[in-house]
């Protein structure tokens, strides 16, 4: 299973539209998420997609990166693991 970051999403894009966009390009989707602003609920312009059955990350990204969705050119990259939030980590004095 491949997890992808998708950036430069159109403002009107929701999970269903993102799912359909990937499926129209021959990919089986297991999960989609459009990241939203906590206060307004509006899309922040990026999201994540998990693909079933896709095994070659580089070829999948190459085939999708730079394609248009509703007039916007998408950025598609490998998703990186979410880092823990909090303050800066400082070394403890010895």
PDB file of N, CA and C in Angstrom:
ATOM      1  N   UNK A   1       0.852  -1.167   0.000  1.00  0.00           N
ATOM      2  CA  UNK A   1       0.000   0.000   0.000  1.00  0.00           C
ATOM      3  C   UNK A   1       0.902   1.236   0.000  1.00  0.00           C
ATOM      4  N   UNK A   2       0.592   2.191  -0.884  1.00  0.00           N
ATOM      5  CA  UNK A   2       1.361   3.428  -0.975  1.00  0.00           C
ATOM      6  C   UNK A   2       0.568   4.581  -0.371  1.00  0.00           C
ATOM      7  N   UNK A   3       1.250   5.411   0.406  1.00  0.00           N
ATOM      8  CA  UNK A   3       0.623   6.602   0.973  1.00  0.00           C
ATOM      9  C   UNK A   3       1.247   7.810   0.290  1.00  0.00           C
ATOM     10  N   UNK A   4       0.388   8.644  -0.321  1.00  0.00           N
ATOM     11  CA  UNK A   4       0.844   9.790  -1.096  1.00  0.00           C
ATOM     12  C   UNK A   4       0.368  11.099  -0.490  1.00  0.00           C
ATOM     13  N   UNK A   5       1.196  12.124  -0.621  1.00  0.00           N
ATOM     14  CA  UNK A   5       0.827  13.505  -0.315  1.00  0.00           C
ATOM     15  C   UNK A   5       0.370  14.117  -1.629  1.00  0.00           C
ATOM     16  N   UNK A   6      -0.757  14.827  -1.605  1.00  0.00           N
ATOM     17  CA  UNK A   6      -1.275  15.493  -2.797  1.00  0.00           C
ATOM     18  C   UNK A   6      -1.459  16.966  -2.455  1.00  0.00           C
ATOM     19  N   UNK A   7      -0.718  17.827  -3.135  1.00  0.00           N
ATOM     20  CA  UNK A   7      -0.777  19.255  -2.857  1.00  0.00           C
ATOM     21  C   UNK A   7      -1.359  20.044  -4.013  1.00  0.00           C
ATOM     22  N   UNK A   8      -1.703  21.301  -3.736  1.00  0.00           N
ATOM     23  CA  UNK A   8      -2.297  22.254  -4.675  1.00  0.00           C
ATOM     24  C   UNK A   8      -3.701  21.822  -5.102  1.00  0.00           C
ATOM     25  N   UNK A   9      -4.437  21.230  -4.157  1.00  0.00           N
ATOM     26  CA  UNK A   9      -5.808  20.806  -4.448  1.00  0.00           C
ATOM     27  C   UNK A   9      -6.714  22.015  -4.664  1.00  0.00           C
ATOM     28  N   UNK A  10      -7.686  21.904  -5.566  1.00  0.00           N
ATOM     29  CA  UNK A  10      -8.666  22.970  -5.735  1.00  0.00           C
ATOM     30  C   UNK A  10      -9.460  23.176  -4.440  1.00  0.00           C
ATOM     31  N   UNK A  11      -9.920  24.388  -4.204  1.00  0.00           N
ATOM     32  CA  UNK A  11     -10.672  24.706  -2.983  1.00  0.00           C
ATOM     33  C   UNK A  11     -11.941  23.881  -2.846  1.00  0.00           C
ATOM     34  N   UNK A  12     -12.510  23.480  -3.959  1.00  0.00           N
ATOM     35  CA  UNK A  12     -13.773  22.727  -3.934  1.00  0.00           C
ATOM     36  C   UNK A  12     -13.566  21.225  -3.787  1.00  0.00           C
ATOM     37  N   UNK A  13     -12.322  20.778  -3.741  1.00  0.00           N
ATOM     38  CA  UNK A  13     -12.027  19.339  -3.672  1.00  0.00           C
ATOM     39  C   UNK A  13     -12.355  18.782  -2.290  1.00  0.00           C
ATOM     40  N   UNK A  14     -13.071  17.670  -2.285  1.00  0.00           N
ATOM     41  CA  UNK A  14     -13.328  16.944  -1.043  1.00  0.00           C
ATOM     42  C   UNK A  14     -12.819  15.511  -1.220  1.00  0.00           C
ATOM     43  N   UNK A  15     -13.014  14.679  -0.205  1.00  0.00           N
ATOM     44  CA  UNK A  15     -12.508  13.315  -0.251  1.00  0.00           C
ATOM     45  C   UNK A  15     -13.094  12.526  -1.418  1.00  0.00           C
ATOM     46  N   UNK A  16     -14.381  12.692  -1.672  1.00  0.00           N
ATOM     47  CA  UNK A  16     -15.031  11.946  -2.757  1.00  0.00           C
ATOM     48  C   UNK A  16     -14.433  12.321  -4.113  1.00  0.00           C
ATOM     49  N   UNK A  17     -14.225  13.610  -4.343  1.00  0.00           N
ATOM     50  CA  UNK A  17     -13.656  14.066  -5.617  1.00  0.00           C
ATOM     51  C   UNK A  17     -12.220  13.575  -5.790  1.00  0.00           C
ATOM     52  N   UNK A  18     -11.453  13.584  -4.710  1.00  0.00           N
ATOM     53  CA  UNK A  18     -10.075  13.105  -4.766  1.00  0.00           C
ATOM     54  C   UNK A  18     -10.045  11.600  -5.059  1.00  0.00           C
ATOM     55  N   UNK A  19     -10.941  10.870  -4.441  1.00  0.00           N
ATOM     56  CA  UNK A  19     -11.059   9.433  -4.675  1.00  0.00           C
ATOM     57  C   UNK A  19     -11.383   9.150  -6.144  1.00  0.00           C
ATOM     58  N   UNK A  20     -12.348   9.862  -6.681  1.00  0.00           N
ATOM     59  CA  UNK A  20     -12.753   9.670  -8.082  1.00  0.00           C
ATOM     60  C   UNK A  20     -11.595  10.013  -9.019  1.00  0.00           C
ATOM     61  N   UNK A  21     -10.871  11.097  -8.735  1.00  0.00           N
ATOM     62  CA  UNK A  21      -9.752  11.520  -9.584  1.00  0.00           C
ATOM     63  C   UNK A  21      -8.707  10.413  -9.687  1.00  0.00           C
ATOM     64  N   UNK A  22      -8.347   9.789  -8.567  1.00  0.00           N
ATOM     65  CA  UNK A  22      -7.362   8.708  -8.580  1.00  0.00           C
ATOM     66  C   UNK A  22      -7.910   7.461  -9.266  1.00  0.00           C
ATOM     67  N   UNK A  23      -9.172   7.129  -9.017  1.00  0.00           N
ATOM     68  CA  UNK A  23      -9.754   5.943  -9.639  1.00  0.00           C
ATOM     69  C   UNK A  23      -9.876   6.098 -11.153  1.00  0.00           C
ATOM     70  N   UNK A  24     -10.141   7.310 -11.640  1.00  0.00           N
ATOM     71  CA  UNK A  24     -10.207   7.555 -13.080  1.00  0.00           C
ATOM     72  C   UNK A  24      -8.853   7.349 -13.749  1.00  0.00           C
ATOM     73  N   UNK A  25      -7.798   7.390 -12.972  1.00  0.00           N
ATOM     74  CA  UNK A  25      -6.449   7.171 -13.486  1.00  0.00           C
ATOM     75  C   UNK A  25      -5.964   5.754 -13.230  1.00  0.00           C
ATOM     76  N   UNK A  26      -6.894   4.861 -12.873  1.00  0.00           N
ATOM     77  CA  UNK A  26      -6.592   3.444 -12.774  1.00  0.00           C
ATOM     78  C   UNK A  26      -6.044   2.967 -11.449  1.00  0.00           C
ATOM     79  N   UNK A  27      -6.220   3.739 -10.388  1.00  0.00           N
ATOM     80  CA  UNK A  27      -5.703   3.355  -9.078  1.00  0.00           C
ATOM     81  C   UNK A  27      -6.849   2.990  -8.145  1.00  0.00           C
ATOM     82  N   UNK A  28      -6.638   1.941  -7.370  1.00  0.00           N
ATOM     83  CA  UNK A  28      -7.612   1.526  -6.375  1.00  0.00           C
ATOM     84  C   UNK A  28      -7.275   2.226  -5.064  1.00  0.00           C
ATOM     85  N   UNK A  29      -8.202   3.019  -4.557  1.00  0.00           N
ATOM     86  CA  UNK A  29      -7.974   3.851  -3.377  1.00  0.00           C
ATOM     87  C   UNK A  29      -8.548   3.172  -2.139  1.00  0.00           C
ATOM     88  N   UNK A  30      -7.753   3.162  -1.060  1.00  0.00           N
ATOM     89  CA  UNK A  30      -8.253   2.615   0.195  1.00  0.00           C
ATOM     90  C   UNK A  30      -8.563   3.709   1.215  1.00  0.00           C
ATOM     91  N   UNK A  31      -7.979   4.910   1.029  1.00  0.00           N
ATOM     92  CA  UNK A  31      -8.182   5.994   1.997  1.00  0.00           C
ATOM     93  C   UNK A  31      -7.879   7.320   1.322  1.00  0.00           C
ATOM     94  N   UNK A  32      -8.723   8.328   1.581  1.00  0.00           N
ATOM     95  CA  UNK A  32      -8.435   9.698   1.150  1.00  0.00           C
ATOM     96  C   UNK A  32      -8.728  10.645   2.306  1.00  0.00           C
ATOM     97  N   UNK A  33      -7.952  11.705   2.378  1.00  0.00           N
ATOM     98  CA  UNK A  33      -8.170  12.734   3.394  1.00  0.00           C
ATOM     99  C   UNK A  33      -7.780  14.082   2.802  1.00  0.00           C
ATOM    100  N   UNK A  34      -8.704  15.027   2.831  1.00  0.00           N
ATOM    101  CA  UNK A  34      -8.404  16.409   2.496  1.00  0.00           C
ATOM    102  C   UNK A  34      -8.254  17.133   3.825  1.00  0.00           C
ATOM    103  N   UNK A  35      -7.095  17.735   4.040  1.00  0.00           N
ATOM    104  CA  UNK A  35      -6.828  18.403   5.314  1.00  0.00           C
ATOM    105  C   UNK A  35      -7.574  19.726   5.336  1.00  0.00           C
ATOM    106  N   UNK A  36      -8.276  19.979   6.453  1.00  0.00           N
ATOM    107  CA  UNK A  36      -9.126  21.164   6.584  1.00  0.00           C
ATOM    108  C   UNK A  36      -8.673  22.038   7.746  1.00  0.00           C
ATOM    109  N   UNK A  37      -8.960  23.331   7.625  1.00  0.00           N
ATOM    110  CA  UNK A  37      -8.693  24.285   8.696  1.00  0.00           C
ATOM    111  C   UNK A  37      -9.622  23.967   9.865  1.00  0.00           C
ATOM    112  N   UNK A  38      -9.091  23.958  11.063  1.00  0.00           N
ATOM    113  CA  UNK A  38      -9.894  23.600  12.242  1.00  0.00           C
ATOM    114  C   UNK A  38     -11.005  24.593  12.524  1.00  0.00           C
ATOM    115  N   UNK A  39     -10.761  25.864  12.272  1.00  0.00           N
ATOM    116  CA  UNK A  39     -11.767  26.888  12.591  1.00  0.00           C
ATOM    117  C   UNK A  39     -12.828  27.046  11.509  1.00  0.00           C
ATOM    118  N   UNK A  40     -12.397  27.098  10.240  1.00  0.00           N
ATOM    119  CA  UNK A  40     -13.351  27.371   9.165  1.00  0.00           C
ATOM    120  C   UNK A  40     -13.889  26.124   8.483  1.00  0.00           C
ATOM    121  N   UNK A  41     -13.145  25.020   8.565  1.00  0.00           N
ATOM    122  CA  UNK A  41     -13.549  23.806   7.868  1.00  0.00           C
ATOM    123  C   UNK A  41     -13.206  23.814   6.391  1.00  0.00           C
ATOM    124  N   UNK A  42     -12.585  24.898   5.899  1.00  0.00           N
ATOM    125  CA  UNK A  42     -12.199  24.977   4.488  1.00  0.00           C
ATOM    126  C   UNK A  42     -10.948  24.147   4.237  1.00  0.00           C
ATOM    127  N   UNK A  43     -10.829  23.647   3.020  1.00  0.00           N
ATOM    128  CA  UNK A  43      -9.662  22.878   2.627  1.00  0.00           C
ATOM    129  C   UNK A  43      -8.407  23.727   2.754  1.00  0.00           C
ATOM    130  N   UNK A  44      -7.324  23.107   3.215  1.00  0.00           N
ATOM    131  CA  UNK A  44      -6.035  23.790   3.299  1.00  0.00           C
ATOM    132  C   UNK A  44      -5.223  23.579   2.023  1.00  0.00           C
ATOM    133  N   UNK A  45      -5.802  22.907   1.036  1.00  0.00           N
ATOM    134  CA  UNK A  45      -5.166  22.764  -0.268  1.00  0.00           C
ATOM    135  C   UNK A  45      -4.275  21.545  -0.424  1.00  0.00           C
ATOM    136  N   UNK A  46      -4.324  20.633   0.548  1.00  0.00           N
ATOM    137  CA  UNK A  46      -3.545  19.406   0.410  1.00  0.00           C
ATOM    138  C   UNK A  46      -4.260  18.264   1.104  1.00  0.00           C
ATOM    139  N   UNK A  47      -3.798  17.060   0.800  1.00  0.00           N
ATOM    140  CA  UNK A  47      -4.408  15.889   1.401  1.00  0.00           C
ATOM    141  C   UNK A  47      -3.524  14.673   1.242  1.00  0.00           C
ATOM    142  N   UNK A  48      -4.075  13.523   1.616  1.00  0.00           N
ATOM    143  CA  UNK A  48      -3.342  12.275   1.569  1.00  0.00           C
ATOM    144  C   UNK A  48      -4.218  11.199   0.943  1.00  0.00           C
ATOM    145  N   UNK A  49      -3.571  10.287   0.218  1.00  0.00           N
ATOM    146  CA  UNK A  49      -4.271   9.195  -0.439  1.00  0.00           C
ATOM    147  C   UNK A  49      -3.464   7.924  -0.222  1.00  0.00           C
ATOM    148  N   UNK A  50      -4.149   6.845   0.123  1.00  0.00           N
ATOM    149  CA  UNK A  50      -3.517   5.534   0.196  1.00  0.00           C
ATOM    150  C   UNK A  50      -4.050   4.693  -0.948  1.00  0.00           C
ATOM    151  N   UNK A  51      -3.130   4.102  -1.705  1.00  0.00           N
ATOM    152  CA  UNK A  51      -3.488   3.286  -2.854  1.00  0.00           C
ATOM    153  C   UNK A  51      -3.269   1.811  -2.554  1.00  0.00           C
ATOM    154  N   UNK A  52      -4.254   0.997  -2.920  1.00  0.00           N
ATOM    155  CA  UNK A  52      -4.126  -0.462  -2.791  1.00  0.00           C
ATOM    156  C   UNK A  52      -3.483  -1.003  -4.059  1.00  0.00           C
ATOM    157  N   UNK A  53      -2.668  -2.007  -3.901  1.00  0.00           N
ATOM    158  CA  UNK A  53      -2.141  -2.707  -5.057  1.00  0.00           C
ATOM    159  C   UNK A  53      -1.029  -1.993  -5.806  1.00  0.00           C
ATOM    160  N   UNK A  54      -0.765  -0.739  -5.527  1.00  0.00           N
ATOM    161  CA  UNK A  54       0.325  -0.029  -6.188  1.00  0.00           C
ATOM    162  C   UNK A  54       1.621  -0.408  -5.486  1.00  0.00           C
ATOM    163  N   UNK A  55       2.602  -0.841  -6.256  1.00  0.00           N
ATOM    164  CA  UNK A  55       3.827  -1.308  -5.620  1.00  0.00           C
ATOM    165  C   UNK A  55       5.046  -0.456  -5.959  1.00  0.00           C
ATOM    166  N   UNK A  56       5.024   0.247  -7.077  1.00  0.00           N
ATOM    167  CA  UNK A  56       6.185   1.028  -7.476  1.00  0.00           C
ATOM    168  C   UNK A  56       5.926   2.503  -7.198  1.00  0.00           C
ATOM    169  N   UNK A  57       6.490   2.989  -6.117  1.00  0.00           N
ATOM    170  CA  UNK A  57       6.254   4.359  -5.683  1.00  0.00           C
ATOM    171  C   UNK A  57       6.690   5.373  -6.731  1.00  0.00           C
ATOM    172  N   UNK A  58       7.887   5.218  -7.272  1.00  0.00           N
ATOM    173  CA  UNK A  58       8.420   6.194  -8.223  1.00  0.00           C
ATOM    174  C   UNK A  58       7.571   6.285  -9.491  1.00  0.00           C
ATOM    175  N   UNK A  59       7.173   5.139 -10.027  1.00  0.00           N
ATOM    176  CA  UNK A  59       6.346   5.145 -11.241  1.00  0.00           C
ATOM    177  C   UNK A  59       4.974   5.743 -10.976  1.00  0.00           C
ATOM    178  N   UNK A  60       4.392   5.438  -9.826  1.00  0.00           N
ATOM    179  CA  UNK A  60       3.077   5.985  -9.487  1.00  0.00           C
ATOM    180  C   UNK A  60       3.147   7.500  -9.367  1.00  0.00           C
ATOM    181  N   UNK A  61       4.147   8.004  -8.666  1.00  0.00           N
ATOM    182  CA  UNK A  61       4.295   9.457  -8.515  1.00  0.00           C
ATOM    183  C   UNK A  61       4.539  10.104  -9.868  1.00  0.00           C
ATOM    184  N   UNK A  62       5.418   9.509 -10.666  1.00  0.00           N
ATOM    185  CA  UNK A  62       5.733  10.066 -11.985  1.00  0.00           C
ATOM    186  C   UNK A  62       4.490  10.168 -12.868  1.00  0.00           C
ATOM    187  N   UNK A  63       3.595   9.182 -12.758  1.00  0.00           N
ATOM    188  CA  UNK A  63       2.394   9.183 -13.595  1.00  0.00           C
ATOM    189  C   UNK A  63       1.344  10.187 -13.128  1.00  0.00           C
ATOM    190  N   UNK A  64       1.400  10.617 -11.868  1.00  0.00           N
ATOM    191  CA  UNK A  64       0.365  11.500 -11.321  1.00  0.00           C
ATOM    192  C   UNK A  64       0.828  12.940 -11.092  1.00  0.00           C
ATOM    193  N   UNK A  65       2.099  13.123 -10.741  1.00  0.00           N
ATOM    194  CA  UNK A  65       2.629  14.460 -10.437  1.00  0.00           C
ATOM    195  C   UNK A  65       2.519  15.359 -11.673  1.00  0.00           C
ATOM    196  N   UNK A  66       1.993  16.567 -11.476  1.00  0.00           N
ATOM    197  CA  UNK A  66       1.886  17.527 -12.572  1.00  0.00           C
ATOM    198  C   UNK A  66       0.604  17.439 -13.370  1.00  0.00           C
ATOM    199  N   UNK A  67      -0.262  16.480 -13.065  1.00  0.00           N
ATOM    200  CA  UNK A  67      -1.545  16.394 -13.760  1.00  0.00           C
ATOM    201  C   UNK A  67      -2.515  17.411 -13.172  1.00  0.00           C
ATOM    202  N   UNK A  68      -3.494  17.802 -13.965  1.00  0.00           N
ATOM    203  CA  UNK A  68      -4.446  18.835 -13.550  1.00  0.00           C
ATOM    204  C   UNK A  68      -5.705  18.221 -12.951  1.00  0.00           C
ATOM    205  N   UNK A  69      -6.238  18.941 -11.953  1.00  0.00           N
ATOM    206  CA  UNK A  69      -7.532  18.611 -11.357  1.00  0.00           C
ATOM    207  C   UNK A  69      -8.296  19.920 -11.220  1.00  0.00           C
ATOM    208  N   UNK A  70      -9.386  20.044 -11.953  1.00  0.00           N
ATOM    209  CA  UNK A  70     -10.221  21.247 -11.925  1.00  0.00           C
ATOM    210  C   UNK A  70      -9.383  22.510 -12.118  1.00  0.00           C
ATOM    211  N   UNK A  71      -8.461  22.443 -13.085  1.00  0.00           N
ATOM    212  CA  UNK A  71      -7.662  23.614 -13.430  1.00  0.00           C
ATOM    213  C   UNK A  71      -6.432  23.842 -12.569  1.00  0.00           C
ATOM    214  N   UNK A  72      -6.164  22.989 -11.602  1.00  0.00           N
ATOM    215  CA  UNK A  72      -4.982  23.134 -10.737  1.00  0.00           C
ATOM    216  C   UNK A  72      -4.008  22.002 -11.033  1.00  0.00           C
ATOM    217  N   UNK A  73      -2.726  22.336 -11.151  1.00  0.00           N
ATOM    218  CA  UNK A  73      -1.689  21.334 -11.370  1.00  0.00           C
ATOM    219  C   UNK A  73      -1.297  20.762 -10.012  1.00  0.00           C
ATOM    220  N   UNK A  74      -1.468  19.452  -9.849  1.00  0.00           N
ATOM    221  CA  UNK A  74      -1.244  18.819  -8.555  1.00  0.00           C
ATOM    222  C   UNK A  74       0.216  18.459  -8.325  1.00  0.00           C
ATOM    223  N   UNK A  75       0.600  18.509  -7.064  1.00  0.00           N
ATOM    224  CA  UNK A  75       1.885  18.017  -6.600  1.00  0.00           C
ATOM    225  C   UNK A  75       1.626  16.680  -5.924  1.00  0.00           C
ATOM    226  N   UNK A  76       2.311  15.642  -6.372  1.00  0.00           N
ATOM    227  CA  UNK A  76       2.135  14.323  -5.778  1.00  0.00           C
ATOM    228  C   UNK A  76       3.510  13.816  -5.360  1.00  0.00           C
ATOM    229  N   UNK A  77       3.653  13.497  -4.084  1.00  0.00           N
ATOM    230  CA  UNK A  77       4.905  12.995  -3.516  1.00  0.00           C
ATOM    231  C   UNK A  77       4.594  11.854  -2.560  1.00  0.00           C
ATOM    232  N   UNK A  78       5.652  11.154  -2.152  1.00  0.00           N
ATOM    233  CA  UNK A  78       5.502  10.152  -1.102  1.00  0.00           C
ATOM    234  C   UNK A  78       5.196  10.878   0.202  1.00  0.00           C
ATOM    235  N   UNK A  79       4.229  10.394   0.942  1.00  0.00           N
ATOM    236  CA  UNK A  79       3.890  10.992   2.236  1.00  0.00           C
ATOM    237  C   UNK A  79       4.951  10.590   3.251  1.00  0.00           C
ATOM    238  N   UNK A  80       5.332  11.532   4.086  1.00  0.00           N
ATOM    239  CA  UNK A  80       6.292  11.235   5.148  1.00  0.00           C
ATOM    240  C   UNK A  80       5.537  11.050   6.447  1.00  0.00           C
ATOM    241  N   UNK A  81       6.057  10.250   7.354  1.00  0.00           N
ATOM    242  CA  UNK A  81       5.371  10.043   8.633  1.00  0.00           C
ATOM    243  C   UNK A  81       5.214  11.357   9.393  1.00  0.00           C
ATOM    244  N   UNK A  82       4.092  11.481  10.080  1.00  0.00           N
ATOM    245  CA  UNK A  82       3.826  12.674  10.864  1.00  0.00           C
ATOM    246  C   UNK A  82       4.737  12.691  12.092  1.00  0.00           C
ATOM    247  N   UNK A  83       5.414  13.809  12.292  1.00  0.00           N
ATOM    248  CA  UNK A  83       6.290  13.953  13.444  1.00  0.00           C
ATOM    249  C   UNK A  83       5.489  14.364  14.661  1.00  0.00           C
ATOM    250  N   UNK A  84       5.919  13.948  15.855  1.00  0.00           N
ATOM    251  CA  UNK A  84       5.202  14.361  17.057  1.00  0.00           C
ATOM    252  C   UNK A  84       5.253  15.877  17.215  1.00  0.00           C
ATOM    253  N   UNK A  85       4.141  16.425  17.667  1.00  0.00           N
ATOM    254  CA  UNK A  85       4.071  17.874  17.860  1.00  0.00           C
ATOM    255  C   UNK A  85       4.473  18.223  19.277  1.00  0.00           C
ATOM    256  N   UNK A  86       4.800  19.445  19.460  1.00  0.00           N
ATOM    257  CA  UNK A  86       5.217  19.914  20.774  1.00  0.00           C
ATOM    258  C   UNK A  86       6.322  20.933  20.596  1.00  0.00           C
ATOM    259  N   UNK A  87       6.940  21.272  21.650  1.00  0.00           N
ATOM    260  CA  UNK A  87       8.017  22.241  21.580  1.00  0.00           C
ATOM    261  C   UNK A  87       9.283  21.631  21.028  1.00  0.00           C
ATOM    262  N   UNK A  88      10.286  22.467  20.946  1.00  0.00           N
ATOM    263  CA  UNK A  88      11.587  21.992  20.480  1.00  0.00           C
ATOM    264  C   UNK A  88      12.163  21.022  21.497  1.00  0.00           C
ATOM    265  N   UNK A  89      12.885  20.078  21.000  1.00  0.00           N
ATOM    266  CA  UNK A  89      13.511  19.099  21.889  1.00  0.00           C
ATOM    267  C   UNK A  89      14.912  19.606  22.242  1.00  0.00           C
ATOM    268  N   UNK A  90      15.157  19.770  23.512  1.00  0.00           N
ATOM    269  CA  UNK A  90      16.460  20.246  23.976  1.00  0.00           C
ATOM    270  C   UNK A  90      17.154  19.134  24.745  1.00  0.00           C
ATOM    271  N   UNK A  91      18.453  19.008  24.547  1.00  0.00           N
ATOM    272  CA  UNK A  91      19.172  17.967  25.309  1.00  0.00           C
ATOM    273  C   UNK A  91      19.154  18.266  26.792  1.00  0.00           C
ATOM    274  N   UNK A  92      19.059  17.234  27.565  1.00  0.00           N
ATOM    275  CA  UNK A  92      19.060  17.389  29.029  1.00  0.00           C
ATOM    276  C   UNK A  92      20.494  17.595  29.512  1.00  0.00           C
ATOM    277  N   UNK A  93      20.696  18.515  30.445  1.00  0.00           N
ATOM    278  CA  UNK A  93      22.056  18.707  30.969  1.00  0.00           C
ATOM    279  C   UNK A  93      22.518  17.468  31.709  1.00  0.00           C
ATOM    280  N   UNK A  94      23.802  17.201  31.610  1.00  0.00           N
ATOM    281  CA  UNK A  94      24.364  16.007  32.261  1.00  0.00           C
ATOM    282  C   UNK A  94      24.655  16.253  33.715  1.00  0.00           C
TER     283      UNK A  94
END
